[in-house]
Amino acid sequence: MILAYSKARSKCETPTQILRRYTKELRKEIYKTQFETSALFPEKPEITSELCEEIEYSKELVKNVKSSVNSNGKENTKKLLKRVEQVLKKDNLAEIQSAADEDAKTGHKSKNDSFYGYKTHIAMTEDRIITAIKVTPGESYDGIQLPKLVERTKNNGIRIKEIIRDSTF
């Protein structure tokens, strides 16, 4: 099995940073297009606040402006409001590392070398013909992929004589 690392095309963010950015964009749009609605904004949490505080603030912001935005807001404002609402509904909100690519995760090539993206697990013949491939989030454990790649290779009609692997697997 060959293991390749692919960096995500988005930057790694904490869920707090994502919520903070989304609510900031919503507030900015409301200031531009519905200034009177800005009077309904709750007090923003401190920059050092935890995720739970950011979630509560975001929920309160949505609750306070939703009626006004839905009845008088421009399409972009409605879109930004919906985006905040969708993030708040996610079951895995605390695990999200990117708003643009929720599947990408931080992985480690070694003890001191990390990356944000994906791992590509590849099985191939001596002639370098790919017989099976699996792409996983960067955080995934490598060891469980080998048996799956062997099974896929067999299902693809390839007879396996030997498996060469390193100690990682």
C-alpha atoms as a PDB file:
ATOM      1  CA  MET A   1       0.000   0.000   0.000  1.00  0.00           C
ATOM      2  CA  ILE A   2       1.237   3.443  -0.871  1.00  0.00           C
ATOM      3  CA  LEU A   3       0.101   6.383   1.182  1.00  0.00           C
ATOM      4  CA  ALA A   4      -0.081   9.877  -0.298  1.00  0.00           C
ATOM      5  CA  TYR A   5      -1.066  13.050   1.501  1.00  0.00           C
ATOM      6  CA  SER A   6      -3.270  15.668  -0.142  1.00  0.00           C
ATOM      7  CA  LYS A   7      -3.677  19.111   1.327  1.00  0.00           C
ATOM      8  CA  ALA A   8      -7.182  20.537   1.422  1.00  0.00           C
ATOM      9  CA  ARG A   9      -7.936  23.562  -0.730  1.00  0.00           C
ATOM     10  CA  SER A  10      -9.378  25.348   2.267  1.00  0.00           C
ATOM     11  CA  LYS A  11      -7.774  26.588   5.434  1.00  0.00           C
ATOM     12  CA  CYS A  12      -8.182  24.875   8.760  1.00  0.00           C
ATOM     13  CA  GLU A  13     -10.410  26.799  11.175  1.00  0.00           C
ATOM     14  CA  THR A  14     -11.915  26.100  14.554  1.00  0.00           C
ATOM     15  CA  PRO A  15     -15.721  25.894  14.821  1.00  0.00           C
ATOM     16  CA  THR A  16     -15.577  29.119  16.854  1.00  0.00           C
ATOM     17  CA  GLN A  17     -13.712  30.897  14.047  1.00  0.00           C
ATOM     18  CA  ILE A  18     -16.205  29.631  11.465  1.00  0.00           C
ATOM     19  CA  LEU A  19     -19.222  30.816  13.456  1.00  0.00           C
ATOM     20  CA  ARG A  20     -17.545  34.125  14.231  1.00  0.00           C
ATOM     21  CA  ARG A  21     -16.772  34.718  10.544  1.00  0.00           C
ATOM     22  CA  TYR A  22     -20.275  33.769   9.415  1.00  0.00           C
ATOM     23  CA  THR A  23     -22.023  35.970  11.982  1.00  0.00           C
ATOM     24  CA  LYS A  24     -19.685  38.847  11.163  1.00  0.00           C
ATOM     25  CA  GLU A  25     -20.558  38.571   7.453  1.00  0.00           C
ATOM     26  CA  LEU A  26     -24.267  38.484   8.325  1.00  0.00           C
ATOM     27  CA  ARG A  27     -24.024  41.541  10.591  1.00  0.00           C
ATOM     28  CA  LYS A  28     -21.993  43.428   7.977  1.00  0.00           C
ATOM     29  CA  GLU A  29     -24.628  42.740   5.314  1.00  0.00           C
ATOM     30  CA  ILE A  30     -27.429  43.808   7.665  1.00  0.00           C
ATOM     31  CA  TYR A  31     -25.568  47.058   8.450  1.00  0.00           C
ATOM     32  CA  LYS A  32     -25.337  47.742   4.691  1.00  0.00           C
ATOM     33  CA  THR A  33     -28.860  46.795   3.642  1.00  0.00           C
ATOM     34  CA  GLN A  34     -31.113  46.935   6.746  1.00  0.00           C
ATOM     35  CA  PHE A  35     -29.407  49.238   9.202  1.00  0.00           C
ATOM     36  CA  GLU A  36     -32.468  49.493  11.474  1.00  0.00           C
ATOM     37  CA  THR A  37     -32.289  45.718  12.080  1.00  0.00           C
ATOM     38  CA  SER A  38     -28.800  46.133  13.559  1.00  0.00           C
ATOM     39  CA  ALA A  39     -30.493  47.447  16.729  1.00  0.00           C
ATOM     40  CA  LEU A  40     -31.559  43.827  17.352  1.00  0.00           C
ATOM     41  CA  PHE A  41     -28.000  42.493  17.503  1.00  0.00           C
ATOM     42  CA  PRO A  42     -27.118  40.865  20.827  1.00  0.00           C
ATOM     43  CA  GLU A  43     -23.849  41.761  22.516  1.00  0.00           C
ATOM     44  CA  LYS A  44     -20.959  39.896  20.917  1.00  0.00           C
ATOM     45  CA  PRO A  45     -18.983  37.478  23.066  1.00  0.00           C
ATOM     46  CA  GLU A  46     -15.381  38.244  23.936  1.00  0.00           C
ATOM     47  CA  ILE A  47     -12.704  37.215  21.442  1.00  0.00           C
ATOM     48  CA  THR A  48     -11.486  34.684  24.021  1.00  0.00           C
ATOM     49  CA  SER A  49     -14.911  33.077  24.412  1.00  0.00           C
ATOM     50  CA  GLU A  50     -15.446  29.336  24.096  1.00  0.00           C
ATOM     51  CA  LEU A  51     -17.429  27.581  21.374  1.00  0.00           C
ATOM     52  CA  CYS A  52     -20.521  27.231  23.585  1.00  0.00           C
ATOM     53  CA  GLU A  53     -20.665  31.025  24.054  1.00  0.00           C
ATOM     54  CA  GLU A  54     -20.250  31.577  20.313  1.00  0.00           C
ATOM     55  CA  ILE A  55     -23.068  29.106  19.627  1.00  0.00           C
ATOM     56  CA  GLU A  56     -25.387  30.849  22.083  1.00  0.00           C
ATOM     57  CA  TYR A  57     -24.569  34.247  20.578  1.00  0.00           C
ATOM     58  CA  SER A  58     -25.173  32.928  17.049  1.00  0.00           C
ATOM     59  CA  LYS A  59     -28.510  31.405  18.036  1.00  0.00           C
ATOM     60  CA  GLU A  60     -29.611  34.640  19.679  1.00  0.00           C
ATOM     61  CA  LEU A  61     -28.519  36.685  16.654  1.00  0.00           C
ATOM     62  CA  VAL A  62     -30.502  34.416  14.319  1.00  0.00           C
ATOM     63  CA  LYS A  63     -33.570  34.538  16.582  1.00  0.00           C
ATOM     64  CA  ASN A  64     -33.423  38.351  16.826  1.00  0.00           C
ATOM     65  CA  VAL A  65     -32.987  39.149  13.123  1.00  0.00           C
ATOM     66  CA  LYS A  66     -34.721  36.254  11.368  1.00  0.00           C
ATOM     67  CA  SER A  67     -38.172  37.820  11.049  1.00  0.00           C
ATOM     68  CA  SER A  68     -36.834  41.132   9.771  1.00  0.00           C
ATOM     69  CA  VAL A  69     -34.385  39.543   7.336  1.00  0.00           C
ATOM     70  CA  ASN A  70     -36.965  37.111   5.945  1.00  0.00           C
ATOM     71  CA  SER A  71     -39.573  39.820   5.422  1.00  0.00           C
ATOM     72  CA  ASN A  72     -37.420  42.787   4.327  1.00  0.00           C
ATOM     73  CA  GLY A  73     -33.961  41.413   3.587  1.00  0.00           C
ATOM     74  CA  LYS A  74     -32.197  41.164   0.279  1.00  0.00           C
ATOM     75  CA  GLU A  75     -31.366  37.726  -1.147  1.00  0.00           C
ATOM     76  CA  ASN A  76     -27.736  37.870  -0.031  1.00  0.00           C
ATOM     77  CA  THR A  77     -28.755  38.691   3.543  1.00  0.00           C
ATOM     78  CA  LYS A  78     -31.206  35.771   3.550  1.00  0.00           C
ATOM     79  CA  LYS A  79     -28.481  33.513   2.188  1.00  0.00           C
ATOM     80  CA  LEU A  80     -26.043  34.548   4.930  1.00  0.00           C
ATOM     81  CA  LEU A  81     -28.697  34.012   7.600  1.00  0.00           C
ATOM     82  CA  LYS A  82     -29.465  30.546   6.238  1.00  0.00           C
ATOM     83  CA  ARG A  83     -25.760  29.675   6.257  1.00  0.00           C
ATOM     84  CA  VAL A  84     -25.484  30.531   9.975  1.00  0.00           C
ATOM     85  CA  GLU A  85     -28.617  28.489  10.687  1.00  0.00           C
ATOM     86  CA  GLN A  86     -27.249  25.489   8.773  1.00  0.00           C
ATOM     87  CA  VAL A  87     -23.964  25.496  10.672  1.00  0.00           C
ATOM     88  CA  LEU A  88     -25.823  25.685  13.986  1.00  0.00           C
ATOM     89  CA  LYS A  89     -27.878  22.597  13.036  1.00  0.00           C
ATOM     90  CA  LYS A  90     -24.837  20.390  12.417  1.00  0.00           C
ATOM     91  CA  ASP A  91     -24.506  17.449  14.783  1.00  0.00           C
ATOM     92  CA  ASN A  92     -20.723  17.509  14.419  1.00  0.00           C
ATOM     93  CA  LEU A  93     -20.326  21.274  14.828  1.00  0.00           C
ATOM     94  CA  ALA A  94     -17.577  20.919  17.438  1.00  0.00           C
ATOM     95  CA  GLU A  95     -15.517  18.769  15.018  1.00  0.00           C
ATOM     96  CA  ILE A  96     -15.709  20.935  11.898  1.00  0.00           C
ATOM     97  CA  GLN A  97     -12.300  22.228  10.813  1.00  0.00           C
ATOM     98  CA  SER A  98     -13.373  24.006   7.651  1.00  0.00           C
ATOM     99  CA  ALA A  99     -16.555  25.600   6.439  1.00  0.00           C
ATOM    100  CA  ALA A 100     -15.604  24.966   2.819  1.00  0.00           C
ATOM    101  CA  ASP A 101     -14.511  21.336   3.220  1.00  0.00           C
ATOM    102  CA  GLU A 102     -16.031  19.604   6.220  1.00  0.00           C
ATOM    103  CA  ASP A 103     -14.434  16.233   5.420  1.00  0.00           C
ATOM    104  CA  ALA A 104     -10.828  17.449   5.529  1.00  0.00           C
ATOM    105  CA  LYS A 105      -9.074  16.831   8.838  1.00  0.00           C
ATOM    106  CA  THR A 106      -5.659  17.410  10.384  1.00  0.00           C
ATOM    107  CA  GLY A 107      -3.424  14.374   9.994  1.00  0.00           C
ATOM    108  CA  HIS A 108       0.140  13.579  10.943  1.00  0.00           C
ATOM    109  CA  LYS A 109       2.916  12.328   8.684  1.00  0.00           C
ATOM    110  CA  SER A 110       5.140  11.929  11.714  1.00  0.00           C
ATOM    111  CA  LYS A 111       5.224  12.994  15.341  1.00  0.00           C
ATOM    112  CA  ASN A 112       6.263  16.550  14.389  1.00  0.00           C
ATOM    113  CA  ASP A 113       4.860  16.915  10.859  1.00  0.00           C
ATOM    114  CA  SER A 114       1.144  17.544  10.335  1.00  0.00           C
ATOM    115  CA  PHE A 115      -1.028  18.486   7.369  1.00  0.00           C
ATOM    116  CA  TYR A 116      -4.641  19.489   6.805  1.00  0.00           C
ATOM    117  CA  GLY A 117      -6.428  17.428   4.179  1.00  0.00           C
ATOM    118  CA  TYR A 118      -6.673  13.806   3.099  1.00  0.00           C
ATOM    119  CA  LYS A 119      -4.780  10.531   2.888  1.00  0.00           C
ATOM    120  CA  THR A 120      -4.877   8.505  -0.310  1.00  0.00           C
ATOM    121  CA  HIS A 121      -4.286   4.787   0.224  1.00  0.00           C
ATOM    122  CA  ILE A 122      -3.267   2.969  -2.974  1.00  0.00           C
ATOM    123  CA  ALA A 123      -2.754  -0.722  -3.746  1.00  0.00           C
ATOM    124  CA  MET A 124      -0.844  -1.555  -6.929  1.00  0.00           C
ATOM    125  CA  THR A 125       0.917  -4.322  -8.762  1.00  0.00           C
ATOM    126  CA  GLU A 126       4.665  -4.559  -9.332  1.00  0.00           C
ATOM    127  CA  ASP A 127       3.977  -3.040 -12.749  1.00  0.00           C
ATOM    128  CA  ARG A 128       2.489  -0.040 -10.922  1.00  0.00           C
ATOM    129  CA  ILE A 129      -1.067  -0.731 -12.042  1.00  0.00           C
ATOM    130  CA  ILE A 130      -3.467   0.602  -9.431  1.00  0.00           C
ATOM    131  CA  THR A 131      -5.776  -2.149  -8.198  1.00  0.00           C
ATOM    132  CA  ALA A 132      -7.585  -0.327  -5.379  1.00  0.00           C
ATOM    133  CA  ILE A 133      -7.714   3.128  -3.888  1.00  0.00           C
ATOM    134  CA  LYS A 134      -9.291   4.696  -0.810  1.00  0.00           C
ATOM    135  CA  VAL A 135      -9.278   8.379   0.177  1.00  0.00           C
ATOM    136  CA  THR A 136      -9.786   9.148   3.873  1.00  0.00           C
ATOM    137  CA  PRO A 137      -9.704  12.292   6.037  1.00  0.00           C
ATOM    138  CA  GLY A 138      -6.212  13.210   7.226  1.00  0.00           C
ATOM    139  CA  GLU A 139      -6.890  12.083  10.796  1.00  0.00           C
ATOM    140  CA  SER A 140      -7.835   8.516   9.847  1.00  0.00           C
ATOM    141  CA  TYR A 141      -5.784   5.545  11.033  1.00  0.00           C
ATOM    142  CA  ASP A 142      -3.750   3.953   8.240  1.00  0.00           C
ATOM    143  CA  GLY A 143      -3.633   0.392   9.560  1.00  0.00           C
ATOM    144  CA  ILE A 144      -7.244  -0.498   8.841  1.00  0.00           C
ATOM    145  CA  GLN A 145      -6.966   0.379   5.153  1.00  0.00           C
ATOM    146  CA  LEU A 146      -4.662  -2.479   4.073  1.00  0.00           C
ATOM    147  CA  PRO A 147      -7.212  -5.317   4.513  1.00  0.00           C
ATOM    148  CA  LYS A 148      -9.824  -3.241   2.677  1.00  0.00           C
ATOM    149  CA  LEU A 149      -7.445  -2.579  -0.230  1.00  0.00           C
ATOM    150  CA  VAL A 150      -6.504  -6.272  -0.393  1.00  0.00           C
ATOM    151  CA  GLU A 151     -10.185  -7.234  -0.543  1.00  0.00           C
ATOM    152  CA  ARG A 152     -10.902  -4.680  -3.269  1.00  0.00           C
ATOM    153  CA  THR A 153      -7.883  -5.849  -5.244  1.00  0.00           C
ATOM    154  CA  LYS A 154      -9.160  -9.454  -5.081  1.00  0.00           C
ATOM    155  CA  ASN A 155     -12.652  -8.286  -6.087  1.00  0.00           C
ATOM    156  CA  ASN A 156     -11.072  -6.593  -9.107  1.00  0.00           C
ATOM    157  CA  GLY A 157      -9.787  -9.981 -10.272  1.00  0.00           C
ATOM    158  CA  ILE A 158      -6.148  -9.570  -9.253  1.00  0.00           C
ATOM    159  CA  ARG A 159      -4.418 -12.584  -7.731  1.00  0.00           C
ATOM    160  CA  ILE A 160      -2.194 -11.520  -4.835  1.00  0.00           C
ATOM    161  CA  LYS A 161       1.063 -13.452  -4.396  1.00  0.00           C
ATOM    162  CA  GLU A 162       2.631 -11.298  -1.716  1.00  0.00           C
ATOM    163  CA  ILE A 163       2.038  -8.086   0.174  1.00  0.00           C
ATOM    164  CA  ILE A 164       4.883  -5.705   0.851  1.00  0.00           C
ATOM    165  CA  ARG A 165       4.263  -3.125   3.547  1.00  0.00           C
ATOM    166  CA  ASP A 166       6.153  -1.000   6.011  1.00  0.00           C
ATOM    167  CA  SER A 167       5.889  -1.142   9.781  1.00  0.00           C
ATOM    168  CA  THR A 168       3.198   1.534   9.901  1.00  0.00           C
ATOM    169  CA  PHE A 169       0.612  -0.960   8.711  1.00  0.00           C
END
